[in-house]
Amino acid sequence: MSAIAEKIHLIEQLSTNSAATGQLLDKVIDFLVEKDRKKLVEFREKLAALEQQYAMSTAEFQRRFDAGELGDASQWFDWDGFAALAASLEAKLAVAEAGRG
């Protein structure tokens, strides 16, 4: 069992009010989701700036980068990294939304 799972299990054992415990966990989840939303906004802003600077969408950039058409300049690796991080955050936030029903 992970350290986090152990702590949640302990909270369950100590709690005498499941509604209050649920509210506490909801607040923690809200905090984490908001933190990731802010990071996603930052990455999207960086992607938008790169799209404007190089006059191509991120999707077009990724197609061309993956095909080896753009070379190995550091800005291409930065762009690829920002796109990957944004996609990862989007997937993570989708899981959070689905889990909240």
PDB file of N, CA and C in Angstrom:
ATOM      1  N   MET A   1       0.850  -1.180   0.000  1.00  0.00           N
ATOM      2  CA  MET A   1       0.000   0.000   0.000  1.00  0.00           C
ATOM      3  C   MET A   1       0.895   1.241   0.000  1.00  0.00           C
ATOM      4  N   SER A   2       0.558   2.214  -0.833  1.00  0.00           N
ATOM      5  CA  SER A   2       1.359   3.436  -0.902  1.00  0.00           C
ATOM      6  C   SER A   2       1.155   4.285   0.348  1.00  0.00           C
ATOM      7  N   ALA A   3       2.074   5.201   0.554  1.00  0.00           N
ATOM      8  CA  ALA A   3       1.990   6.084   1.717  1.00  0.00           C
ATOM      9  C   ALA A   3       0.695   6.896   1.698  1.00  0.00           C
ATOM     10  N   ILE A   4       0.281   7.321   0.532  1.00  0.00           N
ATOM     11  CA  ILE A   4      -0.960   8.107   0.425  1.00  0.00           C
ATOM     12  C   ILE A   4      -2.160   7.232   0.770  1.00  0.00           C
ATOM     13  N   ALA A   5      -2.187   6.027   0.226  1.00  0.00           N
ATOM     14  CA  ALA A   5      -3.298   5.108   0.524  1.00  0.00           C
ATOM     15  C   ALA A   5      -3.347   4.798   2.020  1.00  0.00           C
ATOM     16  N   GLU A   6      -2.181   4.654   2.642  1.00  0.00           N
ATOM     17  CA  GLU A   6      -2.137   4.403   4.082  1.00  0.00           C
ATOM     18  C   GLU A   6      -2.718   5.573   4.863  1.00  0.00           C
ATOM     19  N   LYS A   7      -2.405   6.791   4.434  1.00  0.00           N
ATOM     20  CA  LYS A   7      -2.939   7.971   5.125  1.00  0.00           C
ATOM     21  C   LYS A   7      -4.451   8.069   4.948  1.00  0.00           C
ATOM     22  N   ILE A   8      -4.936   7.782   3.756  1.00  0.00           N
ATOM     23  CA  ILE A   8      -6.382   7.818   3.529  1.00  0.00           C
ATOM     24  C   ILE A   8      -7.063   6.746   4.364  1.00  0.00           C
ATOM     25  N   HIS A   9      -6.462   5.576   4.445  1.00  0.00           N
ATOM     26  CA  HIS A   9      -7.007   4.501   5.269  1.00  0.00           C
ATOM     27  C   HIS A   9      -7.054   4.934   6.737  1.00  0.00           C
ATOM     28  N   LEU A  10      -6.005   5.593   7.213  1.00  0.00           N
ATOM     29  CA  LEU A  10      -5.974   6.088   8.585  1.00  0.00           C
ATOM     30  C   LEU A  10      -7.080   7.113   8.822  1.00  0.00           C
ATOM     31  N   ILE A  11      -7.275   8.005   7.880  1.00  0.00           N
ATOM     32  CA  ILE A  11      -8.352   8.995   7.996  1.00  0.00           C
ATOM     33  C   ILE A  11      -9.700   8.288   8.112  1.00  0.00           C
ATOM     34  N   GLU A  12      -9.898   7.271   7.286  1.00  0.00           N
ATOM     35  CA  GLU A  12     -11.150   6.505   7.351  1.00  0.00           C
ATOM     36  C   GLU A  12     -11.338   5.869   8.731  1.00  0.00           C
ATOM     37  N   GLN A  13     -10.261   5.354   9.296  1.00  0.00           N
ATOM     38  CA  GLN A  13     -10.347   4.705  10.604  1.00  0.00           C
ATOM     39  C   GLN A  13     -10.617   5.703  11.724  1.00  0.00           C
ATOM     40  N   LEU A  14     -10.035   6.888  11.618  1.00  0.00           N
ATOM     41  CA  LEU A  14     -10.166   7.896  12.668  1.00  0.00           C
ATOM     42  C   LEU A  14     -11.445   8.715  12.565  1.00  0.00           C
ATOM     43  N   SER A  15     -12.001   8.777  11.395  1.00  0.00           N
ATOM     44  CA  SER A  15     -13.153   9.651  11.161  1.00  0.00           C
ATOM     45  C   SER A  15     -14.409   9.109  11.833  1.00  0.00           C
ATOM     46  N   THR A  16     -15.101  10.021  12.482  1.00  0.00           N
ATOM     47  CA  THR A  16     -16.401   9.671  13.053  1.00  0.00           C
ATOM     48  C   THR A  16     -17.531  10.300  12.246  1.00  0.00           C
ATOM     49  N   ASN A  17     -17.141  11.099  11.241  1.00  0.00           N
ATOM     50  CA  ASN A  17     -18.130  11.796  10.429  1.00  0.00           C
ATOM     51  C   ASN A  17     -17.723  11.650   8.962  1.00  0.00           C
ATOM     52  N   SER A  18     -18.333  10.706   8.271  1.00  0.00           N
ATOM     53  CA  SER A  18     -17.928  10.445   6.888  1.00  0.00           C
ATOM     54  C   SER A  18     -18.219  11.629   5.966  1.00  0.00           C
ATOM     55  N   ALA A  19     -19.262  12.407   6.280  1.00  0.00           N
ATOM     56  CA  ALA A  19     -19.556  13.582   5.451  1.00  0.00           C
ATOM     57  C   ALA A  19     -18.429  14.603   5.560  1.00  0.00           C
ATOM     58  N   ALA A  20     -17.931  14.833   6.753  1.00  0.00           N
ATOM     59  CA  ALA A  20     -16.836  15.784   6.954  1.00  0.00           C
ATOM     60  C   ALA A  20     -15.563  15.276   6.287  1.00  0.00           C
ATOM     61  N   THR A  21     -15.321  13.994   6.378  1.00  0.00           N
ATOM     62  CA  THR A  21     -14.151  13.411   5.734  1.00  0.00           C
ATOM     63  C   THR A  21     -14.257  13.563   4.224  1.00  0.00           C
ATOM     64  N   GLY A  22     -15.437  13.322   3.687  1.00  0.00           N
ATOM     65  CA  GLY A  22     -15.656  13.498   2.256  1.00  0.00           C
ATOM     66  C   GLY A  22     -15.410  14.931   1.826  1.00  0.00           C
ATOM     67  N   GLN A  23     -15.870  15.887   2.634  1.00  0.00           N
ATOM     68  CA  GLN A  23     -15.647  17.298   2.320  1.00  0.00           C
ATOM     69  C   GLN A  23     -14.165  17.644   2.358  1.00  0.00           C
ATOM     70  N   LEU A  24     -13.459  17.096   3.329  1.00  0.00           N
ATOM     71  CA  LEU A  24     -12.019  17.333   3.431  1.00  0.00           C
ATOM     72  C   LEU A  24     -11.307  16.806   2.191  1.00  0.00           C
ATOM     73  N   LEU A  25     -11.621  15.598   1.782  1.00  0.00           N
ATOM     74  CA  LEU A  25     -10.985  15.016   0.599  1.00  0.00           C
ATOM     75  C   LEU A  25     -11.372  15.774  -0.666  1.00  0.00           C
ATOM     76  N   ASP A  26     -12.617  16.240  -0.729  1.00  0.00           N
ATOM     77  CA  ASP A  26     -13.034  17.051  -1.876  1.00  0.00           C
ATOM     78  C   ASP A  26     -12.205  18.329  -1.972  1.00  0.00           C
ATOM     79  N   LYS A  27     -11.899  18.939  -0.836  1.00  0.00           N
ATOM     80  CA  LYS A  27     -11.086  20.155  -0.837  1.00  0.00           C
ATOM     81  C   LYS A  27      -9.662  19.869  -1.316  1.00  0.00           C
ATOM     82  N   VAL A  28      -9.112  18.753  -0.909  1.00  0.00           N
ATOM     83  CA  VAL A  28      -7.779  18.373  -1.365  1.00  0.00           C
ATOM     84  C   VAL A  28      -7.798  18.157  -2.873  1.00  0.00           C
ATOM     85  N   ILE A  29      -8.807  17.443  -3.360  1.00  0.00           N
ATOM     86  CA  ILE A  29      -8.933  17.201  -4.802  1.00  0.00           C
ATOM     87  C   ILE A  29      -9.107  18.519  -5.547  1.00  0.00           C
ATOM     88  N   ASP A  30      -9.951  19.410  -5.028  1.00  0.00           N
ATOM     89  CA  ASP A  30     -10.152  20.721  -5.654  1.00  0.00           C
ATOM     90  C   ASP A  30      -8.834  21.485  -5.762  1.00  0.00           C
ATOM     91  N   PHE A  31      -8.031  21.454  -4.697  1.00  0.00           N
ATOM     92  CA  PHE A  31      -6.743  22.131  -4.686  1.00  0.00           C
ATOM     93  C   PHE A  31      -5.830  21.576  -5.773  1.00  0.00           C
ATOM     94  N   LEU A  32      -5.742  20.252  -5.853  1.00  0.00           N
ATOM     95  CA  LEU A  32      -4.864  19.614  -6.844  1.00  0.00           C
ATOM     96  C   LEU A  32      -5.331  19.890  -8.270  1.00  0.00           C
ATOM     97  N   VAL A  33      -6.643  19.840  -8.490  1.00  0.00           N
ATOM     98  CA  VAL A  33      -7.191  20.099  -9.820  1.00  0.00           C
ATOM     99  C   VAL A  33      -6.918  21.546 -10.222  1.00  0.00           C
ATOM    100  N   GLU A  34      -7.132  22.480  -9.318  1.00  0.00           N
ATOM    101  CA  GLU A  34      -6.896  23.893  -9.630  1.00  0.00           C
ATOM    102  C   GLU A  34      -5.421  24.152  -9.939  1.00  0.00           C
ATOM    103  N   LYS A  35      -4.541  23.516  -9.190  1.00  0.00           N
ATOM    104  CA  LYS A  35      -3.104  23.645  -9.435  1.00  0.00           C
ATOM    105  C   LYS A  35      -2.758  23.162 -10.847  1.00  0.00           C
ATOM    106  N   ASP A  36      -3.322  22.024 -11.243  1.00  0.00           N
ATOM    107  CA  ASP A  36      -3.060  21.498 -12.584  1.00  0.00           C
ATOM    108  C   ASP A  36      -3.702  22.358 -13.667  1.00  0.00           C
ATOM    109  N   ARG A  37      -4.864  22.923 -13.401  1.00  0.00           N
ATOM    110  CA  ARG A  37      -5.495  23.818 -14.382  1.00  0.00           C
ATOM    111  C   ARG A  37      -4.619  25.043 -14.635  1.00  0.00           C
ATOM    112  N   LYS A  38      -4.053  25.591 -13.582  1.00  0.00           N
ATOM    113  CA  LYS A  38      -3.173  26.755 -13.732  1.00  0.00           C
ATOM    114  C   LYS A  38      -1.933  26.395 -14.545  1.00  0.00           C
ATOM    115  N   LYS A  39      -1.360  25.222 -14.264  1.00  0.00           N
ATOM    116  CA  LYS A  39      -0.193  24.779 -15.038  1.00  0.00           C
ATOM    117  C   LYS A  39      -0.569  24.595 -16.504  1.00  0.00           C
ATOM    118  N   LEU A  40      -1.747  24.038 -16.758  1.00  0.00           N
ATOM    119  CA  LEU A  40      -2.191  23.824 -18.134  1.00  0.00           C
ATOM    120  C   LEU A  40      -2.344  25.148 -18.866  1.00  0.00           C
ATOM    121  N   VAL A  41      -2.883  26.158 -18.203  1.00  0.00           N
ATOM    122  CA  VAL A  41      -3.006  27.489 -18.814  1.00  0.00           C
ATOM    123  C   VAL A  41      -1.623  28.020 -19.195  1.00  0.00           C
ATOM    124  N   GLU A  42      -0.649  27.846 -18.298  1.00  0.00           N
ATOM    125  CA  GLU A  42       0.707  28.305 -18.593  1.00  0.00           C
ATOM    126  C   GLU A  42       1.279  27.597 -19.823  1.00  0.00           C
ATOM    127  N   PHE A  43       1.101  26.277 -19.903  1.00  0.00           N
ATOM    128  CA  PHE A  43       1.621  25.540 -21.053  1.00  0.00           C
ATOM    129  C   PHE A  43       0.894  25.926 -22.333  1.00  0.00           C
ATOM    130  N   ARG A  44      -0.411  26.135 -22.248  1.00  0.00           N
ATOM    131  CA  ARG A  44      -1.159  26.553 -23.440  1.00  0.00           C
ATOM    132  C   ARG A  44      -0.705  27.923 -23.920  1.00  0.00           C
ATOM    133  N   GLU A  45      -0.382  28.818 -22.986  1.00  0.00           N
ATOM    134  CA  GLU A  45       0.131  30.144 -23.368  1.00  0.00           C
ATOM    135  C   GLU A  45       1.484  30.017 -24.068  1.00  0.00           C
ATOM    136  N   LYS A  46       2.342  29.130 -23.561  1.00  0.00           N
ATOM    137  CA  LYS A  46       3.634  28.911 -24.203  1.00  0.00           C
ATOM    138  C   LYS A  46       3.447  28.317 -25.594  1.00  0.00           C
ATOM    139  N   LEU A  47       2.516  27.384 -25.718  1.00  0.00           N
ATOM    140  CA  LEU A  47       2.244  26.787 -27.030  1.00  0.00           C
ATOM    141  C   LEU A  47       1.702  27.836 -28.003  1.00  0.00           C
ATOM    142  N   ALA A  48       0.805  28.680 -27.528  1.00  0.00           N
ATOM    143  CA  ALA A  48       0.238  29.715 -28.388  1.00  0.00           C
ATOM    144  C   ALA A  48       1.323  30.686 -28.869  1.00  0.00           C
ATOM    145  N   ALA A  49       2.247  31.026 -27.982  1.00  0.00           N
ATOM    146  CA  ALA A  49       3.339  31.928 -28.374  1.00  0.00           C
ATOM    147  C   ALA A  49       4.221  31.275 -29.435  1.00  0.00           C
ATOM    148  N   LEU A  50       4.518  29.995 -29.281  1.00  0.00           N
ATOM    149  CA  LEU A  50       5.323  29.285 -30.275  1.00  0.00           C
ATOM    150  C   LEU A  50       4.574  29.167 -31.599  1.00  0.00           C
ATOM    151  N   GLU A  51       3.280  28.905 -31.528  1.00  0.00           N
ATOM    152  CA  GLU A  51       2.476  28.817 -32.756  1.00  0.00           C
ATOM    153  C   GLU A  51       2.502  30.136 -33.516  1.00  0.00           C
ATOM    154  N   GLN A  52       2.397  31.226 -32.783  1.00  0.00           N
ATOM    155  CA  GLN A  52       2.439  32.540 -33.426  1.00  0.00           C
ATOM    156  C   GLN A  52       3.831  32.836 -33.980  1.00  0.00           C
ATOM    157  N   GLN A  53       4.853  32.547 -33.188  1.00  0.00           N
ATOM    158  CA  GLN A  53       6.227  32.834 -33.603  1.00  0.00           C
ATOM    159  C   GLN A  53       6.616  32.067 -34.862  1.00  0.00           C
ATOM    160  N   TYR A  54       6.203  30.818 -34.962  1.00  0.00           N
ATOM    161  CA  TYR A  54       6.612  29.977 -36.092  1.00  0.00           C
ATOM    162  C   TYR A  54       5.492  29.740 -37.107  1.00  0.00           C
ATOM    163  N   ALA A  55       4.374  30.422 -36.927  1.00  0.00           N
ATOM    164  CA  ALA A  55       3.248  30.394 -37.873  1.00  0.00           C
ATOM    165  C   ALA A  55       2.813  28.969 -38.238  1.00  0.00           C
ATOM    166  N   MET A  56       2.675  28.136 -37.198  1.00  0.00           N
ATOM    167  CA  MET A  56       2.113  26.799 -37.417  1.00  0.00           C
ATOM    168  C   MET A  56       1.481  26.329 -36.116  1.00  0.00           C
ATOM    169  N   SER A  57       0.474  25.495 -36.257  1.00  0.00           N
ATOM    170  CA  SER A  57      -0.198  24.952 -35.080  1.00  0.00           C
ATOM    171  C   SER A  57       0.706  23.936 -34.394  1.00  0.00           C
ATOM    172  N   THR A  58       0.385  23.629 -33.167  1.00  0.00           N
ATOM    173  CA  THR A  58       1.143  22.607 -32.455  1.00  0.00           C
ATOM    174  C   THR A  58       0.977  21.254 -33.135  1.00  0.00           C
ATOM    175  N   ALA A  59      -0.202  20.965 -33.632  1.00  0.00           N
ATOM    176  CA  ALA A  59      -0.420  19.690 -34.336  1.00  0.00           C
ATOM    177  C   ALA A  59       0.465  19.601 -35.579  1.00  0.00           C
ATOM    178  N   GLU A  60       0.547  20.698 -36.340  1.00  0.00           N
ATOM    179  CA  GLU A  60       1.404  20.724 -37.528  1.00  0.00           C
ATOM    180  C   GLU A  60       2.871  20.610 -37.125  1.00  0.00           C
ATOM    181  N   PHE A  61       3.248  21.342 -36.070  1.00  0.00           N
ATOM    182  CA  PHE A  61       4.619  21.238 -35.583  1.00  0.00           C
ATOM    183  C   PHE A  61       4.956  19.794 -35.233  1.00  0.00           C
ATOM    184  N   GLN A  62       4.083  19.137 -34.478  1.00  0.00           N
ATOM    185  CA  GLN A  62       4.370  17.767 -34.044  1.00  0.00           C
ATOM    186  C   GLN A  62       4.490  16.821 -35.236  1.00  0.00           C
ATOM    187  N   ARG A  63       3.634  17.001 -36.225  1.00  0.00           N
ATOM    188  CA  ARG A  63       3.725  16.154 -37.419  1.00  0.00           C
ATOM    189  C   ARG A  63       5.076  16.342 -38.097  1.00  0.00           C
ATOM    190  N   ARG A  64       5.467  17.603 -38.278  1.00  0.00           N
ATOM    191  CA  ARG A  64       6.722  17.894 -38.957  1.00  0.00           C
ATOM    192  C   ARG A  64       7.937  17.499 -38.113  1.00  0.00           C
ATOM    193  N   PHE A  65       7.865  17.731 -36.821  1.00  0.00           N
ATOM    194  CA  PHE A  65       8.966  17.372 -35.913  1.00  0.00           C
ATOM    195  C   PHE A  65       9.154  15.858 -35.891  1.00  0.00           C
ATOM    196  N   ASP A  66       8.053  15.136 -35.752  1.00  0.00           N
ATOM    197  CA  ASP A  66       8.120  13.667 -35.721  1.00  0.00           C
ATOM    198  C   ASP A  66       8.629  13.092 -37.046  1.00  0.00           C
ATOM    199  N   ALA A  67       8.358  13.803 -38.138  1.00  0.00           N
ATOM    200  CA  ALA A  67       8.833  13.353 -39.453  1.00  0.00           C
ATOM    201  C   ALA A  67      10.293  13.744 -39.700  1.00  0.00           C
ATOM    202  N   GLY A  68      10.896  14.498 -38.777  1.00  0.00           N
ATOM    203  CA  GLY A  68      12.292  14.893 -38.919  1.00  0.00           C
ATOM    204  C   GLY A  68      12.508  16.074 -39.838  1.00  0.00           C
ATOM    205  N   GLU A  69      11.449  16.810 -40.151  1.00  0.00           N
ATOM    206  CA  GLU A  69      11.553  17.929 -41.094  1.00  0.00           C
ATOM    207  C   GLU A  69      12.141  19.195 -40.471  1.00  0.00           C
ATOM    208  N   LEU A  70      12.180  19.276 -39.144  1.00  0.00           N
ATOM    209  CA  LEU A  70      12.561  20.535 -38.502  1.00  0.00           C
ATOM    210  C   LEU A  70      13.970  20.546 -37.923  1.00  0.00           C
ATOM    211  N   GLY A  71      14.620  19.426 -37.878  1.00  0.00           N
ATOM    212  CA  GLY A  71      15.965  19.383 -37.323  1.00  0.00           C
ATOM    213  C   GLY A  71      15.969  19.204 -35.819  1.00  0.00           C
ATOM    214  N   ASP A  72      17.117  19.512 -35.216  1.00  0.00           N
ATOM    215  CA  ASP A  72      17.324  19.231 -33.799  1.00  0.00           C
ATOM    216  C   ASP A  72      17.555  20.478 -32.946  1.00  0.00           C
ATOM    217  N   ALA A  73      17.057  21.614 -33.371  1.00  0.00           N
ATOM    218  CA  ALA A  73      17.244  22.846 -32.602  1.00  0.00           C
ATOM    219  C   ALA A  73      16.506  22.746 -31.261  1.00  0.00           C
ATOM    220  N   SER A  74      17.059  23.383 -30.257  1.00  0.00           N
ATOM    221  CA  SER A  74      16.512  23.257 -28.902  1.00  0.00           C
ATOM    222  C   SER A  74      15.074  23.749 -28.783  1.00  0.00           C
ATOM    223  N   GLN A  75      14.695  24.761 -29.553  1.00  0.00           N
ATOM    224  CA  GLN A  75      13.324  25.272 -29.436  1.00  0.00           C
ATOM    225  C   GLN A  75      12.296  24.226 -29.852  1.00  0.00           C
ATOM    226  N   TRP A  76      12.684  23.333 -30.773  1.00  0.00           N
ATOM    227  CA  TRP A  76      11.753  22.285 -31.191  1.00  0.00           C
ATOM    228  C   TRP A  76      11.534  21.276 -30.058  1.00  0.00           C
ATOM    229  N   PHE A  77      12.598  20.992 -29.336  1.00  0.00           N
ATOM    230  CA  PHE A  77      12.463  20.067 -28.203  1.00  0.00           C
ATOM    231  C   PHE A  77      11.663  20.709 -27.073  1.00  0.00           C
ATOM    232  N   ASP A  78      11.841  22.019 -26.881  1.00  0.00           N
ATOM    233  CA  ASP A  78      11.032  22.731 -25.894  1.00  0.00           C
ATOM    234  C   ASP A  78       9.556  22.647 -26.273  1.00  0.00           C
ATOM    235  N   TRP A  79       9.255  22.935 -27.532  1.00  0.00           N
ATOM    236  CA  TRP A  79       7.878  22.917 -28.012  1.00  0.00           C
ATOM    237  C   TRP A  79       7.293  21.519 -27.834  1.00  0.00           C
ATOM    238  N   ASP A  80       8.041  20.511 -28.208  1.00  0.00           N
ATOM    239  CA  ASP A  80       7.579  19.130 -28.065  1.00  0.00           C
ATOM    240  C   ASP A  80       7.314  18.803 -26.594  1.00  0.00           C
ATOM    241  N   GLY A  81       8.189  19.263 -25.731  1.00  0.00           N
ATOM    242  CA  GLY A  81       8.012  19.032 -24.295  1.00  0.00           C
ATOM    243  C   GLY A  81       6.790  19.735 -23.740  1.00  0.00           C
ATOM    244  N   PHE A  82       6.585  21.004 -24.130  1.00  0.00           N
ATOM    245  CA  PHE A  82       5.405  21.736 -23.670  1.00  0.00           C
ATOM    246  C   PHE A  82       4.123  21.046 -24.138  1.00  0.00           C
ATOM    247  N   ALA A  83       4.131  20.577 -25.381  1.00  0.00           N
ATOM    248  CA  ALA A  83       2.954  19.888 -25.919  1.00  0.00           C
ATOM    249  C   ALA A  83       2.687  18.595 -25.152  1.00  0.00           C
ATOM    250  N   ALA A  84       3.738  17.856 -24.839  1.00  0.00           N
ATOM    251  CA  ALA A  84       3.575  16.601 -24.091  1.00  0.00           C
ATOM    252  C   ALA A  84       3.068  16.868 -22.677  1.00  0.00           C
ATOM    253  N   LEU A  85       3.600  17.898 -22.036  1.00  0.00           N
ATOM    254  CA  LEU A  85       3.155  18.232 -20.685  1.00  0.00           C
ATOM    255  C   LEU A  85       1.701  18.696 -20.682  1.00  0.00           C
ATOM    256  N   ALA A  86       1.324  19.494 -21.669  1.00  0.00           N
ATOM    257  CA  ALA A  86      -0.064  19.946 -21.768  1.00  0.00           C
ATOM    258  C   ALA A  86      -0.994  18.753 -21.982  1.00  0.00           C
ATOM    259  N   ALA A  87      -0.621  17.839 -22.859  1.00  0.00           N
ATOM    260  CA  ALA A  87      -1.448  16.658 -23.111  1.00  0.00           C
ATOM    261  C   ALA A  87      -1.575  15.798 -21.860  1.00  0.00           C
ATOM    262  N   SER A  88      -0.492  15.671 -21.116  1.00  0.00           N
ATOM    263  CA  SER A  88      -0.517  14.896 -19.878  1.00  0.00           C
ATOM    264  C   SER A  88      -1.457  15.531 -18.848  1.00  0.00           C
ATOM    265  N   LEU A  89      -1.385  16.842 -18.716  1.00  0.00           N
ATOM    266  CA  LEU A  89      -2.273  17.540 -17.784  1.00  0.00           C
ATOM    267  C   LEU A  89      -3.729  17.437 -18.225  1.00  0.00           C
ATOM    268  N   GLU A  90      -3.974  17.549 -19.527  1.00  0.00           N
ATOM    269  CA  GLU A  90      -5.342  17.406 -20.028  1.00  0.00           C
ATOM    270  C   GLU A  90      -5.906  16.030 -19.692  1.00  0.00           C
ATOM    271  N   ALA A  91      -5.105  14.998 -19.863  1.00  0.00           N
ATOM    272  CA  ALA A  91      -5.544  13.633 -19.549  1.00  0.00           C
ATOM    273  C   ALA A  91      -5.794  13.481 -18.049  1.00  0.00           C
ATOM    274  N   LYS A  92      -4.909  14.031 -17.255  1.00  0.00           N
ATOM    275  CA  LYS A  92      -5.044  13.963 -15.797  1.00  0.00           C
ATOM    276  C   LYS A  92      -6.315  14.673 -15.331  1.00  0.00           C
ATOM    277  N   LEU A  93      -6.587  15.851 -15.899  1.00  0.00           N
ATOM    278  CA  LEU A  93      -7.787  16.599 -15.538  1.00  0.00           C
ATOM    279  C   LEU A  93      -9.058  15.885 -16.005  1.00  0.00           C
ATOM    280  N   ALA A  94      -8.995  15.211 -17.142  1.00  0.00           N
ATOM    281  CA  ALA A  94     -10.149  14.439 -17.621  1.00  0.00           C
ATOM    282  C   ALA A  94     -10.453  13.303 -16.648  1.00  0.00           C
ATOM    283  N   VAL A  95      -9.422  12.648 -16.136  1.00  0.00           N
ATOM    284  CA  VAL A  95      -9.627  11.588 -15.147  1.00  0.00           C
ATOM    285  C   VAL A  95     -10.254  12.164 -13.889  1.00  0.00           C
ATOM    286  N   ALA A  96      -9.772  13.320 -13.455  1.00  0.00           N
ATOM    287  CA  ALA A  96     -10.314  13.959 -12.252  1.00  0.00           C
ATOM    288  C   ALA A  96     -11.786  14.298 -12.451  1.00  0.00           C
ATOM    289  N   GLU A  97     -12.126  14.849 -13.604  1.00  0.00           N
ATOM    290  CA  GLU A  97     -13.524  15.205 -13.877  1.00  0.00           C
ATOM    291  C   GLU A  97     -14.409  13.957 -13.927  1.00  0.00           C
ATOM    292  N   ALA A  98     -13.917  12.899 -14.561  1.00  0.00           N
ATOM    293  CA  ALA A  98     -14.696  11.663 -14.656  1.00  0.00           C
ATOM    294  C   ALA A  98     -14.889  11.047 -13.268  1.00  0.00           C
ATOM    295  N   GLY A  99     -13.868  11.156 -12.429  1.00  0.00           N
ATOM    296  CA  GLY A  99     -13.949  10.595 -11.093  1.00  0.00           C
ATOM    297  C   GLY A  99     -14.865  11.356 -10.164  1.00  0.00           C
ATOM    298  N   ARG A 100     -15.149  12.581 -10.518  1.00  0.00           N
ATOM    299  CA  ARG A 100     -16.023  13.407  -9.679  1.00  0.00           C
ATOM    300  C   ARG A 100     -17.476  13.273 -10.095  1.00  0.00           C
ATOM    301  N   GLY A 101     -17.674  12.622 -11.241  1.00  0.00           N
ATOM    302  CA  GLY A 101     -19.019  12.341 -11.727  1.00  0.00           C
ATOM    303  C   GLY A 101     -19.804  13.542 -11.985  1.00  0.00           C
TER     304      GLY A 101
END
